[in-house]
Amino acid sequence: MGNTAFIALGSNIGNRYDYLAKAIETLAKHPKIQLVKTSSVYETDPVGYEEQDLFLNMVVEIQTEWSALELLDFCLEVELKFGRKREIVWGPRTIDLDILLYNQENIQSEKLIIPHPRMLERNFVMIPLSEIRPDIIIPNIEKPLKAWIKELANKEGVRIWKRKNGEDVFEPIGN
C-alpha cells in the first residue's frame, strides 16, 4: 500500500467513543486500508457552531492503495453508515471523517482540498496529529508541525480524554 493519509475523526452525538471506535474498525477492516497509528482521544469544545455538545476527536494514520478521491468516497460511505446528517454547517454529527493529508500532495478539486484547508486553525486536529507525527511537514508550510503546536492559542479547549493505552485521564492540554 503506497499512499499515506491522515484522517481526523470527530463525534458529538450519542455514544461518541463508540462512533469513533466503529469508524476506525470499518477503516481497518477494509482490504485496501492498513491502520498505521492512532492518536489518543481528545474531548474538545465545539468550533464554529457552538450551541452543541462537546466533541471527541482523534487522528489516524493509514496506508492505502486508493487515490485521495477514492479514500474520500469511502470516508463519506462510513459517515452515512453511522448516520451522519449534514443539516447545520459545523453542527452536531454522529461521526465525521476528514482527510487532512495525503502523501505530501496538494490537491484542489471540487470534492477535495488537501491539505485540509482549515486544519491549521483547528487545535482539535493539530494536537492529535502532532501526537502521532510531530515532525511531519505540511505541504506549503515552512515549519514542522511541532513548531505550529507551540504557537497555538486556546489549547485549553482540547483535553485528553482517553490515552492510546486506554487510560481515562480527562486532563487539559498544557499551554
Protein backbone atom coordinates (compact mmCIF):
# COMPACT_ATOMS: atom_id res chain seq x y z
CA MET A 1 0.00 0.00 0.00
CA GLY A 2 1.82 3.02 -1.28
CA ASN A 3 -0.16 6.05 -0.06
CA THR A 4 -0.06 7.58 3.42
CA ALA A 5 -3.06 9.55 4.65
CA PHE A 6 -4.05 11.19 7.91
CA ILE A 7 -7.74 11.27 8.79
CA ALA A 8 -9.36 13.32 11.55
CA LEU A 9 -12.35 11.75 13.29
CA GLY A 10 -14.92 13.54 15.42
CA SER A 11 -18.23 12.78 17.13
CA ASN A 12 -20.58 14.64 19.47
CA ILE A 13 -23.88 12.74 19.26
CA GLY A 14 -24.82 9.61 21.19
CA ASN A 15 -22.03 7.34 22.39
CA ARG A 16 -19.21 9.41 20.90
CA TYR A 17 -16.45 6.92 21.70
CA ASP A 18 -18.35 4.02 20.11
CA TYR A 19 -18.77 6.00 16.90
CA LEU A 20 -15.02 6.69 16.78
CA ALA A 21 -14.20 3.04 17.51
CA LYS A 22 -16.66 1.71 14.90
CA ALA A 23 -15.37 4.10 12.23
CA ILE A 24 -11.76 3.06 12.90
CA GLU A 25 -12.76 -0.60 12.84
CA THR A 26 -14.51 -0.07 9.49
CA LEU A 27 -11.42 1.63 8.06
CA ALA A 28 -9.06 -1.04 9.41
CA LYS A 29 -11.15 -3.96 8.11
CA HIS A 30 -11.12 -2.76 4.52
CA PRO A 31 -8.56 -4.70 2.44
CA LYS A 32 -7.32 -1.50 0.74
CA ILE A 33 -6.55 0.22 4.05
CA GLN A 34 -3.95 -0.55 6.68
CA LEU A 35 -4.22 1.27 10.01
CA VAL A 36 -0.75 2.51 10.99
CA LYS A 37 -1.23 4.68 14.07
CA THR A 38 -3.95 6.28 16.17
CA SER A 39 -3.78 9.27 18.47
CA SER A 40 -5.27 9.46 21.91
CA VAL A 41 -8.89 10.62 22.11
CA TYR A 42 -9.44 14.27 22.99
CA GLU A 43 -12.57 15.96 24.27
CA THR A 44 -12.95 19.33 22.61
CA ASP A 45 -15.12 22.40 22.68
CA PRO A 46 -17.23 22.95 19.55
CA VAL A 47 -15.81 25.38 16.98
CA GLY A 48 -17.89 27.47 14.59
CA TYR A 49 -21.38 26.47 15.65
CA GLU A 50 -21.00 26.48 19.44
CA GLU A 51 -24.56 25.58 20.56
CA GLN A 52 -23.89 21.85 20.69
CA ASP A 53 -22.34 19.16 22.87
CA LEU A 54 -18.60 18.61 23.33
CA PHE A 55 -16.78 16.53 20.73
CA LEU A 56 -14.46 13.57 20.95
CA ASN A 57 -11.70 13.93 18.35
CA MET A 58 -8.68 11.96 17.23
CA VAL A 59 -6.44 11.41 14.20
CA VAL A 60 -5.39 8.18 12.48
CA GLU A 61 -2.59 7.46 10.07
CA ILE A 62 -3.33 4.92 7.37
CA GLN A 63 -1.71 3.34 4.33
CA THR A 64 -3.95 2.78 1.33
CA GLU A 65 -3.98 1.65 -2.27
CA TRP A 66 -6.69 4.20 -3.06
CA SER A 67 -6.36 7.59 -4.63
CA ALA A 68 -7.32 10.54 -2.43
CA LEU A 69 -10.73 10.79 -4.14
CA GLU A 70 -11.42 7.07 -3.67
CA LEU A 71 -10.48 7.42 0.00
CA LEU A 72 -12.81 10.41 0.32
CA ASP A 73 -15.68 8.40 -1.17
CA PHE A 74 -15.08 5.62 1.34
CA CYS A 75 -14.94 8.10 4.25
CA LEU A 76 -18.29 9.55 3.15
CA GLU A 77 -19.73 6.00 3.00
CA VAL A 78 -18.55 5.38 6.57
CA GLU A 79 -20.20 8.61 7.72
CA LEU A 80 -23.50 7.58 6.10
CA LYS A 81 -23.26 4.07 7.55
CA PHE A 82 -23.18 5.55 11.04
CA GLY A 83 -25.99 8.04 10.49
CA ARG A 84 -24.16 11.27 9.64
CA LYS A 85 -26.58 14.03 8.66
CA ARG A 86 -25.43 17.37 7.24
CA GLU A 87 -28.09 19.76 8.47
CA ILE A 88 -26.05 22.56 10.11
CA VAL A 89 -22.61 23.69 8.94
CA TRP A 90 -20.14 22.58 11.64
CA GLY A 91 -23.14 21.19 13.51
CA PRO A 92 -23.64 18.03 15.55
CA ARG A 93 -22.62 14.73 13.98
CA THR A 94 -22.52 11.06 14.84
CA ILE A 95 -19.19 10.77 13.02
CA ASP A 96 -17.05 12.99 10.84
CA LEU A 97 -14.03 11.81 8.85
CA ASP A 98 -11.83 14.46 7.23
CA ILE A 99 -8.76 13.68 5.16
CA LEU A 100 -6.10 16.04 6.46
CA LEU A 101 -3.08 14.98 4.43
CA TYR A 102 -2.48 12.56 1.57
CA ASN A 103 1.19 11.78 0.96
CA GLN A 104 2.82 15.19 0.54
CA GLU A 105 0.37 16.15 -2.18
CA ASN A 106 -1.50 19.35 -2.84
CA ILE A 107 -4.93 18.51 -4.22
CA GLN A 108 -7.56 21.01 -5.24
CA SER A 109 -10.78 19.75 -6.76
CA GLU A 110 -14.49 20.42 -6.37
CA LYS A 111 -14.78 17.50 -3.95
CA LEU A 112 -11.49 17.62 -2.06
CA ILE A 113 -8.79 20.03 -0.91
CA ILE A 114 -5.56 18.61 0.55
CA PRO A 115 -4.02 19.66 2.88
CA HIS A 116 -7.34 20.20 4.63
CA PRO A 117 -7.99 23.94 4.24
CA ARG A 118 -8.79 24.66 7.91
CA MET A 119 -6.55 22.17 9.69
CA LEU A 120 -4.02 24.77 10.87
CA GLU A 121 -6.85 26.68 12.59
CA ARG A 122 -8.18 23.64 14.45
CA ASN A 123 -6.48 22.67 17.68
CA PHE A 124 -8.68 19.55 17.82
CA VAL A 125 -6.89 18.36 14.66
CA MET A 126 -3.40 19.75 15.15
CA ILE A 127 -2.86 18.39 18.68
CA PRO A 128 -3.79 14.75 17.92
CA LEU A 129 -1.86 14.90 14.61
CA SER A 130 1.21 16.18 16.42
CA GLU A 131 0.91 13.33 18.91
CA ILE A 132 1.38 10.71 16.19
CA ARG A 133 3.67 12.65 13.79
CA PRO A 134 5.25 15.72 15.48
CA ASP A 135 7.93 16.12 12.79
CA ILE A 136 5.61 15.97 9.78
CA ILE A 137 5.89 18.86 7.35
CA ILE A 138 2.58 20.06 5.95
CA PRO A 139 2.82 20.89 2.23
CA ASN A 140 3.27 24.64 1.56
CA ILE A 141 4.15 25.28 5.22
CA GLU A 142 7.77 26.02 6.00
CA LYS A 143 7.94 24.67 9.55
CA PRO A 144 7.35 21.28 11.16
CA LEU A 145 4.09 20.58 12.93
CA LYS A 146 5.66 20.69 16.39
CA ALA A 147 6.61 24.35 15.76
CA TRP A 148 2.97 25.15 14.92
CA ILE A 149 1.81 23.45 18.12
CA LYS A 150 3.97 25.74 20.25
CA GLU A 151 2.20 28.75 18.72
CA LEU A 152 -1.38 27.51 19.06
CA ALA A 153 -3.74 29.62 21.15
CA ASN A 154 -6.70 28.26 23.15
CA LYS A 155 -5.24 24.81 23.81
CA GLU A 156 -7.49 24.63 26.87
CA GLY A 157 -10.37 23.79 24.52
CA VAL A 158 -8.68 20.43 23.79
CA ARG A 159 -8.41 17.97 26.70
CA ILE A 160 -7.01 14.42 26.76
CA TRP A 161 -9.99 12.12 27.23
CA LYS A 162 -8.53 8.65 26.69
CA ARG A 163 -4.87 7.91 26.06
CA LYS A 164 -3.78 5.42 23.42
CA ASN A 165 -3.07 2.93 26.20
CA GLY A 166 -6.76 3.09 27.16
CA GLU A 167 -6.27 5.09 30.35
CA ASP A 168 -9.03 7.63 31.08
CA VAL A 169 -7.43 10.91 32.12
CA PHE A 170 -9.69 13.90 31.39
CA GLU A 171 -6.92 16.49 31.61
CA PRO A 172 -6.36 19.78 29.80
CA ILE A 173 -3.54 20.15 27.31
CA GLY A 174 -0.75 22.34 28.69
CA ASN A 175 -0.13 25.73 27.12
